[in-house]
């Protein structure tokens, strides 16, 4: 469905990891533009809490790393609001450890959640977008998908994979009316960031204050990005006048990565 200029009325937007942080902010922002919202994730309670804040929304549970779960969740979304027009792949996880102490199971988890999950959900909704002649896929990557950082090699590898996959997909679908882009937030003020700091402290012996200050110094503006700022970038990319944006990776980081 190609929306009228200026709003997303009747557009069905599916946001994975939609119950908290950036995902919740995206759901609220797109809902404010008239979209019908499906918030998806593994825990129903926070998803329902977000859905209650929106005029036309519902929640579905799914695990992005499990193909059968993805198919079942998207089927439930279709039953409620029809074909998915906008997909925001926001579900993800991070962990920190020195490279030599990164265990294979941690490596696999980062790839599965951040990269394979993005692939599985995108693949599940892409055919209906192409058939309809219009669609928007936005993958929430990270500045760690554009540059390297110490202690998060597995996460950075996964997010670099998301950026590369997005660019390749964008070329395949360039003439279909469907676009694929990434947004790459810097350190964003969410519970995920708090967890990352705690993990840095536990794995490196760095003090908590030092860990926070180290992350804060990465942003030239001297502050953390807000979830609402990331949501605004997503809203622009899925809007009716963004059709020429395809295969791009937009850094939302206060100038940390350009």
Protein backbone atom coordinates (compact mmCIF):
# COMPACT_ATOMS: atom_id res chain seq x y z
CA UNK A 1 0.00 0.00 0.00
CA UNK A 2 1.49 3.32 -1.09
CA UNK A 3 0.40 5.85 1.55
CA UNK A 4 -0.77 9.35 0.85
CA UNK A 5 1.79 12.08 1.36
CA UNK A 6 2.18 13.16 4.95
CA UNK A 7 0.76 10.18 6.81
CA UNK A 8 0.82 6.39 7.14
CA UNK A 9 -2.93 5.89 7.42
CA UNK A 10 -3.91 2.23 6.96
CA UNK A 11 -0.28 1.16 6.53
CA UNK A 12 0.51 -1.98 8.53
CA UNK A 13 3.85 -1.66 10.33
CA UNK A 14 5.45 -4.57 12.14
CA UNK A 15 8.16 -3.73 14.69
CA UNK A 16 10.22 -6.52 16.23
CA UNK A 17 11.61 -5.92 19.69
CA UNK A 18 8.75 -3.47 20.03
CA UNK A 19 8.13 -3.71 23.74
CA UNK A 20 10.91 -1.51 25.08
CA UNK A 21 13.49 1.12 24.20
CA UNK A 22 14.00 2.00 20.56
CA UNK A 23 11.35 -0.45 19.35
CA UNK A 24 8.67 1.02 21.59
CA UNK A 25 9.60 4.55 20.51
CA UNK A 26 9.33 3.53 16.85
CA UNK A 27 5.92 1.92 17.40
CA UNK A 28 4.61 5.06 19.11
CA UNK A 29 6.04 7.35 16.42
CA UNK A 30 4.61 5.37 13.50
CA UNK A 31 1.30 4.96 15.29
CA UNK A 32 1.11 8.73 15.66
CA UNK A 33 1.35 8.97 11.85
CA UNK A 34 -1.69 6.73 11.42
CA UNK A 35 -0.08 3.33 10.91
CA UNK A 36 -1.67 0.15 12.21
CA UNK A 37 0.99 -1.27 14.47
CA UNK A 38 1.99 -4.82 15.30
CA UNK A 39 4.56 -4.93 18.08
CA UNK A 40 6.37 -8.25 18.21
CA UNK A 41 8.82 -9.87 20.60
CA UNK A 42 9.32 -12.70 23.04
CA UNK A 43 7.64 -11.18 26.13
CA UNK A 44 3.94 -10.41 25.78
CA UNK A 45 3.49 -8.08 28.77
CA UNK A 46 5.68 -5.16 27.59
CA UNK A 47 4.34 -5.55 24.06
CA UNK A 48 0.76 -5.23 25.28
CA UNK A 49 1.73 -2.21 27.35
CA UNK A 50 3.01 -0.43 24.23
CA UNK A 51 0.00 -1.53 22.16
CA UNK A 52 -2.37 -0.01 24.72
CA UNK A 53 -0.81 3.40 24.12
CA UNK A 54 -1.75 3.36 20.44
CA UNK A 55 -5.10 3.79 18.73
CA UNK A 56 -4.74 0.82 16.36
CA UNK A 57 -2.25 -1.77 17.54
CA UNK A 58 -1.84 -5.28 18.82
CA UNK A 59 0.92 -7.51 20.14
CA UNK A 60 2.23 -10.85 18.91
CA UNK A 61 4.90 -13.03 20.44
CA UNK A 62 7.66 -14.41 18.28
CA UNK A 63 11.30 -15.42 18.51
CA UNK A 64 13.19 -13.91 15.58
CA UNK A 65 15.78 -16.70 15.69
CA UNK A 66 13.17 -19.43 15.14
CA UNK A 67 11.74 -19.73 11.62
CA UNK A 68 8.52 -21.44 12.71
CA UNK A 69 7.94 -18.83 15.42
CA UNK A 70 8.50 -16.02 12.91
CA UNK A 71 5.99 -17.52 10.49
CA UNK A 72 3.40 -18.02 13.23
CA UNK A 73 3.82 -14.49 14.57
CA UNK A 74 3.56 -12.88 11.16
CA UNK A 75 0.52 -14.99 10.37
CA UNK A 76 -1.13 -13.57 13.49
CA UNK A 77 -0.20 -10.06 12.42
CA UNK A 78 -1.73 -10.60 8.97
CA UNK A 79 -4.95 -11.94 10.45
CA UNK A 80 -5.38 -8.71 12.37
CA UNK A 81 -4.20 -6.02 9.96
CA UNK A 82 -3.50 -7.68 6.60
CA UNK A 83 -0.23 -7.81 4.72
CA UNK A 84 2.80 -6.15 6.28
CA UNK A 85 3.69 -2.92 4.46
CA UNK A 86 6.46 -1.70 6.76
CA UNK A 87 8.92 -3.88 8.64
CA UNK A 88 11.26 -2.52 11.27
CA UNK A 89 13.76 -5.15 12.39
CA UNK A 90 14.66 -3.85 15.81
CA UNK A 91 15.02 -7.02 17.89
CA UNK A 92 18.58 -7.47 19.05
CA UNK A 93 20.93 -8.13 21.91
CA UNK A 94 24.45 -7.19 22.91
CA UNK A 95 27.15 -8.52 25.16
CA UNK A 96 30.71 -7.50 25.91
CA UNK A 97 33.91 -9.45 26.40
CA UNK A 98 37.54 -9.22 25.35
CA UNK A 99 38.01 -11.02 22.04
CA UNK A 100 40.11 -13.82 23.50
CA UNK A 101 37.44 -14.48 26.13
CA UNK A 102 34.47 -14.44 23.75
CA UNK A 103 33.01 -17.94 23.89
CA UNK A 104 31.67 -19.62 20.74
CA UNK A 105 28.17 -19.78 22.21
CA UNK A 106 28.21 -16.00 22.76
CA UNK A 107 29.39 -15.50 19.18
CA UNK A 108 26.60 -17.68 17.84
CA UNK A 109 23.98 -15.92 19.99
CA UNK A 110 24.98 -12.48 18.69
CA UNK A 111 24.81 -13.67 15.08
CA UNK A 112 21.50 -15.47 15.57
CA UNK A 113 19.65 -12.68 17.34
CA UNK A 114 21.02 -9.67 15.47
CA UNK A 115 21.65 -11.00 11.96
CA UNK A 116 19.79 -14.26 11.37
CA UNK A 117 16.68 -12.84 13.02
CA UNK A 118 16.73 -9.84 10.70
CA UNK A 119 17.11 -12.17 7.73
CA UNK A 120 14.26 -14.49 8.76
CA UNK A 121 11.69 -11.77 9.39
CA UNK A 122 12.63 -9.84 6.24
CA UNK A 123 12.39 -12.95 4.11
CA UNK A 124 8.98 -13.78 5.57
CA UNK A 125 7.35 -10.45 4.63
CA UNK A 126 9.23 -9.53 1.46
CA UNK A 127 7.10 -11.48 -1.07
CA UNK A 128 3.88 -9.70 -0.07
CA UNK A 129 5.59 -6.31 -0.28
CA UNK A 130 6.89 -7.07 -3.77
CA UNK A 131 3.50 -8.39 -4.85
CA UNK A 132 1.83 -5.22 -3.57
CA UNK A 133 4.34 -3.00 -5.37
CA UNK A 134 5.28 -1.01 -2.24
CA UNK A 135 7.04 -1.68 1.04
CA UNK A 136 9.64 -0.43 3.47
CA UNK A 137 12.19 -2.49 5.39
CA UNK A 138 14.27 -0.69 7.99
CA UNK A 139 16.89 -2.61 9.91
CA UNK A 140 18.04 -1.15 13.20
CA UNK A 141 21.76 -1.83 13.09
CA UNK A 142 24.28 0.21 15.10
CA UNK A 143 27.32 2.39 14.65
CA UNK A 144 29.00 -0.92 15.48
CA UNK A 145 27.84 -1.95 12.00
CA UNK A 146 29.91 0.87 10.50
CA UNK A 147 33.07 0.82 12.60
CA UNK A 148 34.80 -1.29 15.22
CA UNK A 149 34.73 -1.02 19.00
CA UNK A 150 36.70 -2.94 21.60
CA UNK A 151 35.08 -5.73 23.60
CA UNK A 152 32.09 -6.26 21.30
CA UNK A 153 33.58 -8.17 18.37
CA UNK A 154 30.65 -10.60 18.09
CA UNK A 155 28.05 -7.84 18.21
CA UNK A 156 29.98 -5.69 15.73
CA UNK A 157 30.34 -8.63 13.35
CA UNK A 158 26.59 -9.24 13.49
CA UNK A 159 25.71 -5.59 12.91
CA UNK A 160 28.21 -5.28 10.05
CA UNK A 161 26.38 -8.28 8.62
CA UNK A 162 23.04 -6.48 8.94
CA UNK A 163 24.41 -3.48 7.04
CA UNK A 164 25.86 -5.69 4.30
CA UNK A 165 22.69 -7.74 3.98
CA UNK A 166 20.61 -4.56 3.74
CA UNK A 167 22.75 -3.20 0.92
CA UNK A 168 22.53 -6.44 -1.04
CA UNK A 169 18.78 -6.77 -0.54
CA UNK A 170 18.26 -3.17 -1.62
CA UNK A 171 19.87 -3.88 -5.00
CA UNK A 172 17.72 -6.97 -5.55
CA UNK A 173 14.46 -5.10 -4.93
CA UNK A 174 15.38 -1.72 -6.38
CA UNK A 175 12.74 -1.84 -9.14
CA UNK A 176 9.90 -3.34 -7.13
CA UNK A 177 8.69 -0.33 -5.16
CA UNK A 178 10.16 -1.82 -2.00
CA UNK A 179 13.18 -0.29 -0.24
CA UNK A 180 15.60 -1.55 2.39
CA UNK A 181 17.69 0.71 4.61
CA UNK A 182 19.46 0.64 7.95
CA UNK A 183 19.59 3.09 10.80
CA UNK A 184 22.73 2.92 12.90
CA UNK A 185 22.27 4.43 16.35
CA UNK A 186 25.18 5.33 18.56
CA UNK A 187 24.96 4.70 22.28
CA UNK A 188 21.28 5.18 23.04
CA UNK A 189 19.68 5.77 26.42
CA UNK A 190 17.87 2.45 26.90
CA UNK A 191 17.90 -0.50 29.27
CA UNK A 192 20.11 -2.29 26.73
CA UNK A 193 22.79 0.36 27.27
CA UNK A 194 22.60 -0.10 31.04
CA UNK A 195 23.04 -3.81 30.56
CA UNK A 196 26.01 -3.25 28.28
CA UNK A 197 27.69 -1.07 30.88
CA UNK A 198 27.15 -3.71 33.56
CA UNK A 199 28.63 -6.31 31.26
CA UNK A 200 31.68 -4.16 30.52
CA UNK A 201 32.24 -3.73 34.25
CA UNK A 202 31.91 -7.46 34.89
CA UNK A 203 34.09 -8.59 32.00
CA UNK A 204 36.86 -5.96 32.02
CA UNK A 205 37.16 -4.87 35.65
CA UNK A 206 36.48 -1.26 34.66
CA UNK A 207 34.58 0.79 37.25
CA UNK A 208 30.94 1.61 36.53
CA UNK A 209 31.53 5.37 36.42
CA UNK A 210 34.51 4.92 34.13
CA UNK A 211 32.46 2.65 31.84
CA UNK A 212 29.65 5.21 31.54
CA UNK A 213 32.09 8.05 30.92
CA UNK A 214 33.93 6.05 28.27
CA UNK A 215 30.72 5.48 26.34
CA UNK A 216 29.57 9.07 26.75
CA UNK A 217 32.84 10.43 25.36
CA UNK A 218 32.19 8.58 22.10
CA UNK A 219 29.42 11.05 21.19
CA UNK A 220 30.77 14.44 20.04
CA UNK A 221 27.62 16.06 21.42
CA UNK A 222 28.50 14.77 24.87
CA UNK A 223 25.22 12.95 25.41
CA UNK A 224 23.47 9.71 24.61
CA UNK A 225 21.07 9.41 21.69
CA UNK A 226 17.39 9.18 22.65
CA UNK A 227 15.07 6.41 21.37
CA UNK A 228 12.78 9.11 19.96
CA UNK A 229 15.59 10.44 17.76
CA UNK A 230 16.12 7.00 16.28
CA UNK A 231 12.37 6.64 15.78
CA UNK A 232 12.26 9.91 13.86
CA UNK A 233 14.88 8.64 11.41
CA UNK A 234 12.86 5.45 10.92
CA UNK A 235 9.65 7.44 10.38
CA UNK A 236 11.31 9.39 7.58
CA UNK A 237 12.63 6.24 5.89
CA UNK A 238 9.20 4.58 5.84
CA UNK A 239 7.34 7.70 4.77
CA UNK A 240 5.68 8.22 1.40
CA UNK A 241 8.37 10.57 0.06
CA UNK A 242 11.41 8.43 0.86
CA UNK A 243 11.35 6.16 -2.17
CA UNK A 244 14.79 7.23 -3.41
CA UNK A 245 16.38 6.14 -0.13
CA UNK A 246 17.52 2.57 -0.73
CA UNK A 247 20.48 0.61 0.55
CA UNK A 248 21.55 3.39 2.90
CA UNK A 249 22.96 3.14 6.41
CA UNK A 250 22.09 6.26 8.36
CA UNK A 251 24.17 7.02 11.42
CA UNK A 252 22.13 8.49 14.29
CA UNK A 253 25.03 9.23 16.59
CA UNK A 254 25.63 12.93 17.10
CA UNK A 255 28.52 12.83 14.63
CA UNK A 256 30.34 9.88 16.21
CA UNK A 257 30.34 8.10 12.85
CA UNK A 258 29.85 9.98 9.58
